[in-house]
Protein backbone atom coordinates (compact mmCIF):
# COMPACT_ATOMS: atom_id res chain seq x y z
CA UNK A 1 -0.01 0.00 0.00
CA UNK A 2 1.29 3.45 -0.91
CA UNK A 3 1.17 6.33 1.55
CA UNK A 4 -0.94 9.27 0.40
CA UNK A 5 0.98 12.17 -1.06
CA UNK A 6 1.15 14.79 1.71
CA UNK A 7 1.78 17.66 -0.68
CA UNK A 8 -1.05 20.11 -1.09
CA UNK A 9 -3.12 20.04 -4.25
CA UNK A 10 -2.04 22.26 -7.13
CA UNK A 11 -3.59 25.77 -6.78
CA UNK A 12 -5.52 25.35 -10.05
CA UNK A 13 -7.75 22.75 -8.34
CA UNK A 14 -9.10 25.44 -6.03
CA UNK A 15 -10.21 27.82 -8.74
CA UNK A 16 -13.96 28.39 -8.60
CA UNK A 17 -15.61 27.89 -12.02
CA UNK A 18 -18.39 30.31 -11.12
CA UNK A 19 -15.92 33.07 -10.29
CA UNK A 20 -13.08 32.22 -12.67
CA UNK A 21 -15.03 32.49 -15.92
CA UNK A 22 -13.65 35.62 -17.71
CA UNK A 23 -16.88 37.65 -17.85
CA UNK A 24 -17.97 36.79 -14.31
CA UNK A 25 -14.48 37.60 -12.95
CA UNK A 26 -14.81 40.96 -14.72
CA UNK A 27 -18.22 41.56 -13.17
CA UNK A 28 -16.92 40.76 -9.68
CA UNK A 29 -13.79 42.89 -10.01
CA UNK A 30 -15.61 45.94 -11.39
CA UNK A 31 -18.31 45.60 -8.75
CA UNK A 32 -15.68 45.24 -6.05
CA UNK A 33 -14.05 48.48 -7.22
CA UNK A 34 -17.34 50.42 -7.37
CA UNK A 35 -19.31 48.59 -4.66
CA UNK A 36 -22.51 49.26 -6.61
CA UNK A 37 -22.55 49.41 -10.41
CA UNK A 38 -25.19 50.05 -13.02
CA UNK A 39 -25.89 47.27 -15.53
CA UNK A 40 -25.24 49.55 -18.52
CA UNK A 41 -21.80 50.50 -17.19
CA UNK A 42 -20.89 46.82 -16.85
CA UNK A 43 -22.13 46.12 -20.34
CA UNK A 44 -19.99 48.91 -21.76
CA UNK A 45 -16.87 48.07 -19.76
CA UNK A 46 -17.04 44.36 -20.55
CA UNK A 47 -18.17 44.89 -24.17
CA UNK A 48 -21.12 42.49 -23.89
CA UNK A 49 -24.65 42.34 -25.18
CA UNK A 50 -27.36 42.92 -22.55
CA UNK A 51 -28.50 39.33 -22.87
CA UNK A 52 -25.03 37.85 -22.40
CA UNK A 53 -24.34 40.06 -19.37
CA UNK A 54 -27.72 39.24 -17.88
CA UNK A 55 -26.99 35.50 -18.05
CA UNK A 56 -23.67 35.92 -16.25
CA UNK A 57 -25.19 38.21 -13.59
CA UNK A 58 -27.90 35.55 -13.03
CA UNK A 59 -25.23 32.90 -12.43
CA UNK A 60 -23.53 35.13 -9.85
CA UNK A 61 -26.85 36.08 -8.19
CA UNK A 62 -27.88 32.43 -7.93
CA UNK A 63 -24.57 31.63 -6.28
CA UNK A 64 -25.14 34.46 -3.81
CA UNK A 65 -22.15 36.49 -4.97
CA UNK A 66 -24.06 39.55 -6.16
CA UNK A 67 -27.38 41.20 -5.40
CA UNK A 68 -29.50 42.71 -8.19
CA UNK A 69 -31.69 45.73 -7.54
CA UNK A 70 -34.08 47.14 -10.08
CA UNK A 71 -35.35 50.67 -9.77
CA UNK A 72 -35.68 54.00 -11.45
CA UNK A 73 -33.41 56.99 -11.87
CA UNK A 74 -35.81 59.67 -12.92
CA UNK A 75 -38.03 58.00 -15.49
CA UNK A 76 -35.35 55.55 -16.68
CA UNK A 77 -35.37 51.99 -15.44
CA UNK A 78 -32.05 50.92 -13.96
CA UNK A 79 -30.52 47.69 -12.73
CA UNK A 80 -27.87 47.93 -10.04
CA UNK A 81 -25.40 45.17 -9.16
CA UNK A 82 -23.95 44.99 -5.70
CA UNK A 83 -21.22 42.58 -4.43
CA UNK A 84 -22.28 40.53 -1.41
CA UNK A 85 -19.95 39.57 1.45
CA UNK A 86 -19.81 36.06 -0.06
CA UNK A 87 -18.92 37.58 -3.41
CA UNK A 88 -16.15 39.64 -1.86
CA UNK A 89 -14.74 36.59 -0.15
CA UNK A 90 -14.98 34.42 -3.27
CA UNK A 91 -13.15 37.08 -5.30
CA UNK A 92 -10.42 37.39 -2.64
CA UNK A 93 -9.97 33.60 -2.57
CA UNK A 94 -9.79 33.44 -6.39
CA UNK A 95 -7.19 36.22 -6.53
CA UNK A 96 -5.21 34.42 -3.82
CA UNK A 97 -5.15 31.22 -5.85
CA UNK A 98 -4.19 33.12 -9.00
CA UNK A 99 -1.29 34.72 -7.09
CA UNK A 100 -0.18 31.23 -6.04
CA UNK A 101 -0.19 30.09 -9.62
CA UNK A 102 1.80 33.16 -10.73
CA UNK A 103 4.33 32.55 -7.94
CA UNK A 104 4.77 28.94 -9.03
CA UNK A 105 5.41 29.95 -12.65
CA UNK A 106 7.82 32.73 -11.62
CA UNK A 107 9.83 30.41 -9.35
CA UNK A 108 10.14 27.68 -11.98
CA UNK A 109 10.95 29.75 -15.05
CA UNK A 110 14.43 30.69 -16.09
CA UNK A 111 15.54 34.32 -16.43
CA UNK A 112 15.41 33.92 -20.26
CA UNK A 113 11.70 32.92 -20.01
CA UNK A 114 10.74 36.03 -18.00
């Protein structure tokens, strides 16, 4: 019988598919910076269609990472996206794992590769 490998799992195994997807990572980072962001601003910044952005926001909302608030600004309907505490934590954990991956690459590459 072989003893289990005591080394920790590779950092890539800890990446969260809900958070790590490119558009959703963009939504979370922009919302983290602004704390509350209007749907149209996200659409412009991420260069997405309204339908595409809406699908990604729904995934994040279902996971409890963002809250969606619909309302009016004057007579215009608006949708506001806010990062939840769980979303803030998930983003921080994802960034931590990405930093671990970067550190591994930097410590194993030669000076010519950098």
